[in-house]
Protein backbone atom coordinates (compact mmCIF):
# COMPACT_ATOMS: atom_id res chain seq x y z
CA MET A 1 -152.68 -2.84 -24.97
CA GLU A 2 -149.29 -2.15 -23.44
CA ALA A 3 -146.49 -1.82 -25.97
CA LYS A 4 -143.74 -4.40 -25.90
CA LYS A 5 -140.39 -3.18 -24.65
CA GLN A 6 -137.86 -2.88 -27.44
CA ILE A 7 -134.98 -5.36 -27.31
CA GLN A 8 -131.60 -3.65 -27.18
CA MET A 9 -129.41 -4.15 -30.22
CA PRO A 10 -125.92 -2.66 -30.62
CA GLN A 11 -125.86 0.76 -32.26
CA VAL A 12 -122.99 1.81 -34.51
CA LYS A 13 -121.92 5.03 -36.18
CA LEU A 14 -122.77 5.14 -39.86
CA GLY A 15 -120.22 7.56 -41.20
CA SER A 16 -118.55 10.32 -39.22
CA GLN A 17 -121.31 12.95 -39.37
CA GLY A 18 -123.18 11.80 -36.26
CA LEU A 19 -125.71 9.26 -37.54
CA LYS A 20 -126.11 6.21 -35.29
CA VAL A 21 -128.07 3.17 -36.47
CA SER A 22 -128.83 -0.36 -35.32
CA ARG A 23 -126.05 -2.84 -36.14
CA LEU A 24 -128.45 -4.52 -38.55
CA GLY A 25 -130.85 -2.53 -40.67
CA PHE A 26 -134.00 -3.55 -42.53
CA GLY A 27 -134.49 -3.24 -46.29
CA CYS A 28 -138.19 -2.58 -46.95
CA VAL A 29 -138.25 -3.09 -50.73
CA GLY A 30 -139.81 -6.57 -50.61
CA LEU A 31 -142.78 -5.52 -48.49
CA THR A 32 -144.57 -4.12 -51.54
CA GLY A 33 -143.58 -6.94 -53.86
CA LEU A 34 -140.40 -7.55 -55.77
CA TYR A 35 -139.17 -11.06 -55.16
CA ASN A 36 -142.35 -12.28 -53.47
CA ALA A 37 -146.01 -11.28 -53.48
CA PRO A 38 -146.67 -7.84 -51.93
CA LEU A 39 -147.95 -7.64 -48.39
CA SER A 40 -150.99 -5.66 -47.35
CA HIS A 41 -150.24 -2.44 -45.50
CA GLU A 42 -151.39 -4.11 -42.29
CA GLU A 43 -149.01 -7.05 -42.80
CA GLY A 44 -146.12 -4.80 -43.78
CA CYS A 45 -146.61 -2.55 -40.77
CA LEU A 46 -146.60 -5.62 -38.54
CA ILE A 47 -143.23 -6.77 -39.92
CA ILE A 48 -141.74 -3.30 -39.39
CA LYS A 49 -143.07 -3.10 -35.83
CA GLU A 50 -141.74 -6.58 -35.04
CA ALA A 51 -138.35 -5.60 -36.45
CA PHE A 52 -138.35 -2.50 -34.23
CA ASP A 53 -139.37 -4.53 -31.18
CA ARG A 54 -136.39 -6.80 -31.87
CA GLY A 55 -134.02 -3.84 -31.85
CA ILE A 56 -133.82 -2.79 -35.50
CA THR A 57 -134.16 0.98 -35.82
CA PHE A 58 -132.67 1.60 -39.30
CA PHE A 59 -135.25 1.23 -42.08
CA ASP A 60 -134.52 1.68 -45.79
CA THR A 61 -137.05 2.51 -48.49
CA SER A 62 -137.25 4.46 -51.77
CA ASP A 63 -139.75 6.34 -53.89
CA LEU A 64 -139.18 3.64 -56.51
CA TYR A 65 -140.28 0.71 -54.35
CA GLY A 66 -143.83 -0.26 -55.13
CA LEU A 67 -143.93 2.92 -57.24
CA ASN A 68 -144.38 5.12 -54.12
CA GLU A 69 -146.48 2.55 -52.25
CA ASN A 70 -143.56 1.41 -50.06
CA GLU A 71 -143.10 4.87 -48.58
CA VAL A 72 -146.83 5.12 -47.84
CA MET A 73 -146.65 1.79 -45.98
CA ILE A 74 -143.57 2.86 -44.01
CA GLY A 75 -145.30 6.10 -43.10
CA LYS A 76 -148.21 4.17 -41.64
CA ALA A 77 -145.84 1.95 -39.66
CA LEU A 78 -144.03 4.96 -38.23
CA LYS A 79 -147.26 6.14 -36.61
CA HIS A 80 -146.87 3.24 -34.17
CA LEU A 81 -143.17 3.83 -33.44
CA PRO A 82 -141.30 6.58 -31.58
CA ARG A 83 -140.02 8.71 -34.47
CA GLU A 84 -136.96 9.91 -32.56
CA LYS A 85 -135.73 6.33 -32.16
CA VAL A 86 -136.04 5.45 -35.86
CA GLN A 87 -133.42 6.15 -38.51
CA LEU A 88 -135.35 6.48 -41.75
CA ALA A 89 -133.58 6.26 -45.10
CA THR A 90 -135.20 6.80 -48.46
CA LYS A 91 -133.98 7.48 -51.98
CA PHE A 92 -134.69 9.40 -55.16
CA GLY A 93 -133.26 9.36 -58.66
CA ILE A 94 -134.59 6.31 -60.50
CA THR A 95 -137.55 7.06 -62.72
CA CYS A 96 -140.03 4.59 -64.16
CA VAL A 97 -142.44 5.99 -66.72
CA GLY A 98 -144.49 3.63 -68.82
CA GLY A 99 -142.25 0.77 -67.79
CA VAL A 100 -139.15 2.61 -69.01
CA VAL A 101 -136.46 2.96 -66.36
CA GLY A 102 -134.19 6.01 -66.25
CA VAL A 103 -132.34 8.26 -63.85
CA LYS A 104 -132.73 11.94 -63.03
CA GLY A 105 -130.69 14.18 -60.77
CA THR A 106 -131.50 17.79 -61.62
CA PRO A 107 -131.83 20.18 -58.65
CA GLU A 108 -135.52 20.71 -59.41
CA TYR A 109 -136.14 16.96 -59.40
CA VAL A 110 -134.22 16.49 -56.15
CA ARG A 111 -136.48 18.95 -54.36
CA GLN A 112 -139.64 17.64 -56.01
CA CYS A 113 -138.83 14.08 -54.90
CA CYS A 114 -137.92 15.07 -51.36
CA GLU A 115 -141.14 17.02 -50.85
CA ALA A 116 -143.17 14.11 -52.25
CA SER A 117 -141.40 11.56 -50.03
CA LEU A 118 -141.93 13.69 -46.92
CA LYS A 119 -145.63 13.79 -47.74
CA ARG A 120 -145.96 10.06 -48.42
CA LEU A 121 -143.97 9.16 -45.31
CA ASP A 122 -145.90 11.83 -43.36
CA VAL A 123 -142.76 12.98 -41.55
CA ASP A 124 -141.05 16.33 -41.03
CA TYR A 125 -137.59 15.12 -41.97
CA ILE A 126 -135.70 12.23 -43.56
CA ASP A 127 -132.73 10.95 -41.58
CA LEU A 128 -130.71 9.73 -44.56
CA TYR A 129 -131.56 10.74 -48.12
CA TYR A 130 -129.77 8.89 -50.93
CA GLN A 131 -129.41 9.56 -54.60
CA HIS A 132 -130.54 6.10 -55.74
CA ARG A 133 -128.52 6.12 -58.96
CA VAL A 134 -126.27 8.85 -60.29
CA ASP A 135 -127.48 10.83 -63.29
CA VAL A 136 -124.26 11.27 -65.26
CA SER A 137 -125.88 13.92 -67.47
CA VAL A 138 -126.05 16.26 -64.48
CA PRO A 139 -122.87 17.40 -62.67
CA ILE A 140 -122.91 15.81 -59.22
CA GLU A 141 -122.10 19.27 -57.84
CA ASP A 142 -125.54 20.48 -58.97
CA THR A 143 -127.36 17.54 -57.40
CA MET A 144 -125.42 17.85 -54.15
CA GLY A 145 -126.00 21.58 -54.05
CA GLU A 146 -129.74 21.03 -53.80
CA LEU A 147 -129.34 18.23 -51.27
CA LYS A 148 -127.20 20.58 -49.17
CA LYS A 149 -130.03 23.13 -49.22
CA LEU A 150 -132.47 20.47 -47.99
CA VAL A 151 -130.13 19.74 -45.07
CA GLU A 152 -129.92 23.44 -44.25
CA GLU A 153 -133.73 23.62 -44.30
CA GLY A 154 -134.00 20.68 -41.88
CA LYS A 155 -135.87 18.45 -44.32
CA VAL A 156 -132.93 16.05 -44.56
CA LYS A 157 -130.42 15.25 -41.81
CA TYR A 158 -127.78 13.29 -43.71
CA ILE A 159 -126.92 12.74 -47.37
CA GLY A 160 -126.06 9.44 -49.07
CA LEU A 161 -125.26 8.07 -52.51
CA SER A 162 -126.08 4.67 -53.94
CA GLU A 163 -124.02 2.87 -56.58
CA ALA A 164 -121.64 5.82 -57.05
CA ASN A 165 -118.09 5.47 -58.38
CA ILE A 166 -115.03 6.82 -56.58
CA ASP A 167 -114.80 10.01 -58.65
CA THR A 168 -118.44 10.87 -57.95
CA ILE A 169 -118.02 10.15 -54.24
CA LYS A 170 -114.99 12.46 -53.99
CA ARG A 171 -116.67 15.30 -55.89
CA ALA A 172 -119.93 14.95 -53.96
CA HIS A 173 -118.15 14.83 -50.61
CA ALA A 174 -116.37 18.08 -51.46
CA ILE A 175 -119.74 19.88 -51.74
CA HIS A 176 -121.27 18.43 -48.56
CA PRO A 177 -120.10 15.54 -46.37
CA ILE A 178 -121.53 12.20 -47.50
CA THR A 179 -122.67 10.13 -44.52
CA ALA A 180 -123.19 6.78 -46.23
CA ILE A 181 -122.77 4.97 -49.52
CA GLN A 182 -125.29 2.24 -50.28
CA MET A 183 -123.75 -0.58 -52.29
CA GLU A 184 -124.54 -4.20 -52.98
CA TYR A 185 -122.14 -6.19 -50.82
CA SER A 186 -122.23 -9.86 -49.90
CA LEU A 187 -120.13 -12.99 -50.17
CA LEU A 188 -121.26 -13.17 -53.79
CA THR A 189 -120.55 -9.52 -54.63
CA ARG A 190 -117.28 -8.13 -53.29
CA GLU A 191 -116.01 -5.76 -55.99
CA ILE A 192 -116.30 -2.72 -53.70
CA GLU A 193 -113.52 -4.07 -51.48
CA ASP A 194 -110.77 -2.87 -53.83
CA GLU A 195 -111.47 0.86 -54.07
CA ILE A 196 -114.88 1.89 -52.70
CA ILE A 197 -114.43 0.66 -49.12
CA PRO A 198 -110.89 2.09 -48.71
CA LEU A 199 -112.07 5.47 -50.05
CA CYS A 200 -115.08 5.51 -47.73
CA ARG A 201 -112.88 4.77 -44.75
CA GLU A 202 -110.47 7.51 -45.77
CA LEU A 203 -113.33 10.03 -45.99
CA GLY A 204 -115.28 8.81 -42.95
CA ILE A 205 -118.23 7.50 -44.96
CA GLY A 206 -120.25 4.51 -43.77
CA ILE A 207 -121.48 1.71 -46.01
CA ALA A 208 -125.04 0.37 -46.04
CA ALA A 209 -124.78 -3.08 -47.60
CA TYR A 210 -127.90 -3.87 -49.58
CA SER A 211 -128.75 -7.39 -50.80
CA PRO A 212 -126.36 -8.83 -48.17
CA LEU A 213 -127.76 -12.29 -48.91
CA GLY A 214 -127.25 -11.99 -52.66
CA ARG A 215 -130.91 -11.12 -53.29
CA GLY A 216 -131.92 -14.20 -51.35
CA PHE A 217 -129.54 -16.65 -53.04
CA LEU A 218 -127.53 -17.10 -49.83
CA GLY A 219 -130.82 -17.73 -48.06
CA GLY A 220 -131.57 -20.69 -50.32
CA LYS A 221 -133.79 -19.10 -52.96
CA ALA A 222 -133.59 -20.93 -56.29
CA VAL A 223 -131.61 -23.70 -54.61
CA SER A 224 -134.23 -25.01 -52.21
CA GLU A 225 -137.26 -23.00 -53.35
CA ILE A 226 -139.29 -22.61 -56.52
CA ILE A 227 -139.19 -19.02 -57.77
CA PRO A 228 -142.68 -17.66 -58.59
CA SER A 229 -143.14 -16.60 -62.21
CA TYR A 230 -143.91 -12.99 -61.19
CA SER A 231 -140.71 -12.63 -59.13
CA GLN A 232 -138.10 -10.13 -60.32
CA LEU A 233 -135.49 -12.75 -59.44
CA ASN A 234 -136.25 -14.32 -62.80
CA ARG A 235 -134.71 -11.25 -64.44
CA ILE A 236 -131.41 -11.58 -62.57
CA PRO A 237 -128.82 -13.55 -64.58
CA ARG A 238 -127.42 -15.38 -61.53
CA TYR A 239 -130.81 -16.97 -61.00
CA SER A 240 -131.32 -18.38 -64.45
CA GLY A 241 -130.19 -21.18 -66.72
CA GLU A 242 -126.57 -22.26 -66.74
CA HIS A 243 -125.60 -19.46 -64.35
CA LEU A 244 -127.85 -20.91 -61.67
CA GLU A 245 -126.45 -24.41 -62.16
CA LYS A 246 -122.89 -23.07 -61.81
CA ASN A 247 -123.80 -21.17 -58.65
CA LYS A 248 -125.51 -24.01 -56.79
CA PRO A 249 -122.20 -25.62 -55.68
CA VAL A 250 -121.18 -22.27 -54.16
CA TYR A 251 -124.28 -22.34 -51.99
CA THR A 252 -123.70 -25.98 -51.06
CA ARG A 253 -120.19 -25.23 -49.78
CA LEU A 254 -121.48 -22.39 -47.65
CA GLU A 255 -124.32 -24.56 -46.37
CA GLN A 256 -121.79 -27.15 -45.21
CA LEU A 257 -119.76 -24.51 -43.38
CA ALA A 258 -122.91 -23.21 -41.71
CA ALA A 259 -123.62 -26.70 -40.38
CA GLU A 260 -120.13 -26.78 -38.88
CA HIS A 261 -120.88 -23.50 -37.08
CA SER A 262 -124.30 -24.75 -35.92
CA CYS A 263 -126.12 -21.93 -37.68
CA THR A 264 -128.12 -21.37 -40.82
CA THR A 265 -126.57 -20.47 -44.17
CA PRO A 266 -127.94 -16.90 -44.19
CA GLN A 267 -126.71 -16.41 -40.63
CA LEU A 268 -123.19 -17.39 -41.63
CA ALA A 269 -123.30 -15.09 -44.68
CA LEU A 270 -124.53 -12.15 -42.61
CA ALA A 271 -122.05 -12.84 -39.82
CA TRP A 272 -119.21 -12.80 -42.36
CA LEU A 273 -120.40 -9.39 -43.56
CA LEU A 274 -120.81 -8.03 -40.03
CA HIS A 275 -117.21 -9.02 -39.32
CA GLN A 276 -115.94 -6.88 -42.21
CA GLY A 277 -116.17 -3.79 -39.99
CA ASP A 278 -118.53 -1.80 -37.78
CA ASP A 279 -118.73 0.83 -40.52
CA ILE A 280 -120.56 -1.68 -42.73
CA VAL A 281 -124.25 -2.09 -41.89
CA PRO A 282 -126.16 -4.86 -43.69
CA ILE A 283 -129.82 -4.13 -44.46
CA PRO A 284 -131.45 -7.49 -45.22
CA GLY A 285 -135.17 -7.49 -45.80
CA THR A 286 -137.84 -10.15 -45.45
CA THR A 287 -141.59 -10.65 -45.39
CA LYS A 288 -141.43 -13.48 -42.86
CA LEU A 289 -140.94 -13.24 -39.08
CA LYS A 290 -138.94 -16.47 -38.98
CA ASN A 291 -136.44 -14.99 -41.44
CA LEU A 292 -136.29 -11.79 -39.40
CA ASP A 293 -135.35 -13.77 -36.30
CA CYS A 294 -132.85 -15.79 -38.32
CA ASN A 295 -131.16 -12.64 -39.61
CA ILE A 296 -130.93 -11.09 -36.17
CA GLY A 297 -129.40 -14.33 -34.88
CA SER A 298 -126.35 -13.63 -37.05
CA LEU A 299 -125.30 -10.99 -34.51
CA ASP A 300 -124.53 -13.73 -31.98
CA LEU A 301 -122.17 -15.62 -34.26
CA LYS A 302 -118.48 -15.00 -33.53
CA LEU A 303 -115.99 -15.76 -36.28
CA THR A 304 -112.20 -15.91 -36.05
CA PRO A 305 -109.87 -14.57 -38.75
CA ASP A 306 -109.32 -18.17 -39.84
CA ASP A 307 -113.09 -18.69 -40.06
CA LEU A 308 -113.46 -15.60 -42.22
CA LYS A 309 -110.70 -16.77 -44.54
CA ILE A 310 -112.26 -20.21 -44.94
CA ILE A 311 -115.70 -18.71 -45.63
CA SER A 312 -114.30 -16.27 -48.21
CA GLU A 313 -112.43 -19.06 -49.97
CA ALA A 314 -115.56 -21.22 -50.04
CA VAL A 315 -117.27 -18.56 -52.16
CA PRO A 316 -114.65 -17.49 -54.73
CA VAL A 317 -116.02 -14.43 -56.48
CA ASP A 318 -114.48 -15.51 -59.77
CA GLU A 319 -116.64 -18.64 -59.66
CA VAL A 320 -119.90 -16.73 -59.22
CA SER A 321 -121.65 -16.84 -62.58
CA GLY A 322 -123.93 -14.20 -64.08
CA GLY A 323 -124.72 -10.56 -63.35
CA ARG A 324 -125.90 -9.43 -59.93
CA GLU A 325 -128.88 -7.34 -61.07
CA PRO A 326 -131.36 -7.17 -63.95
CA ASP A 327 -129.73 -6.01 -67.16
CA ILE A 328 -131.96 -2.93 -67.21
CA PHE A 329 -130.09 -1.54 -64.17
CA THR A 330 -126.57 -2.60 -65.10
CA LYS A 331 -125.77 0.57 -67.03
CA TYR A 332 -126.58 2.64 -63.93
CA SER A 333 -124.26 0.73 -61.57
CA TRP A 334 -121.01 2.24 -60.31
CA LYS A 335 -118.92 -0.08 -62.48
CA PHE A 336 -120.46 1.03 -65.74
CA ALA A 337 -121.81 4.56 -65.27
CA THR A 338 -119.18 7.18 -66.03
CA THR A 339 -119.08 10.66 -64.61
CA PRO A 340 -118.97 13.48 -67.16
CA ALA A 341 -116.29 16.11 -67.00
CA LYS A 342 -116.87 18.81 -64.41
CA VAL A 343 -118.54 21.88 -65.90
């Protein structure tokens, strides 16, 4: 069967080190089950191939997702795609042993994880390798030193950090240039606008915006859908009890604005994020082709400065109720993890 021709999507520079990615990326975490039921490898590979055919070339995974299974699935999907046209990002640093979550960033662990990911993905190199969460018990200089060696060996092309604070970013960047910072960023979660984004722009670091739809909330989850009992969304404060009831009017206001723009609510939310700068690349994920097409449609929506102001004001961050992630991860986020003194 003849392969479908890939649709052209705008490419942008992610950081100043030479990495170019599709204007919209794809977060793969949900393919092996998190918010919805996991897909089979065959189904997951189909979603990835369809995303590629629609112009998405930037795919994000982690050794944590599906407890290694996500990387295996992505590796299978890559067998059907031209490797040189794919920008593959994966992560290390969050451990889960016996259901207990922790972080680890020793040089030995960095190398161990990279070698294991290369094997699961069945690739010779990783385009963008992130530290998933910072291990504050290990000087970031030590972690970065090992990552730098992996770049020199050709096993990693570019280095990234996820959920790192400004001090960690500065210190890490001094050891080896950081290409991208992965942070949660959406209309619901905008704390990084004050310090993180300005610092990244000063240093020439791109931003991969994960959960750009507020972990599905801006796509209507919990407002117009029933959340399955097994879904991890039930562990996120914003999705439960009185927090959820307080947040529903926020969604309703955005839904009304989307109708005025003749688009869907998630399209308006993604378009707002895309208009925050070409150095910010959203990486929404989905298990459904209709949602994939919907997300890509956000690229066609043009918003004026007045539109952006109205949208921002419709979702006041001080009105958003509840934490953005499960409590078990809160202590590892950039706002709460502190960097130890340099040794």
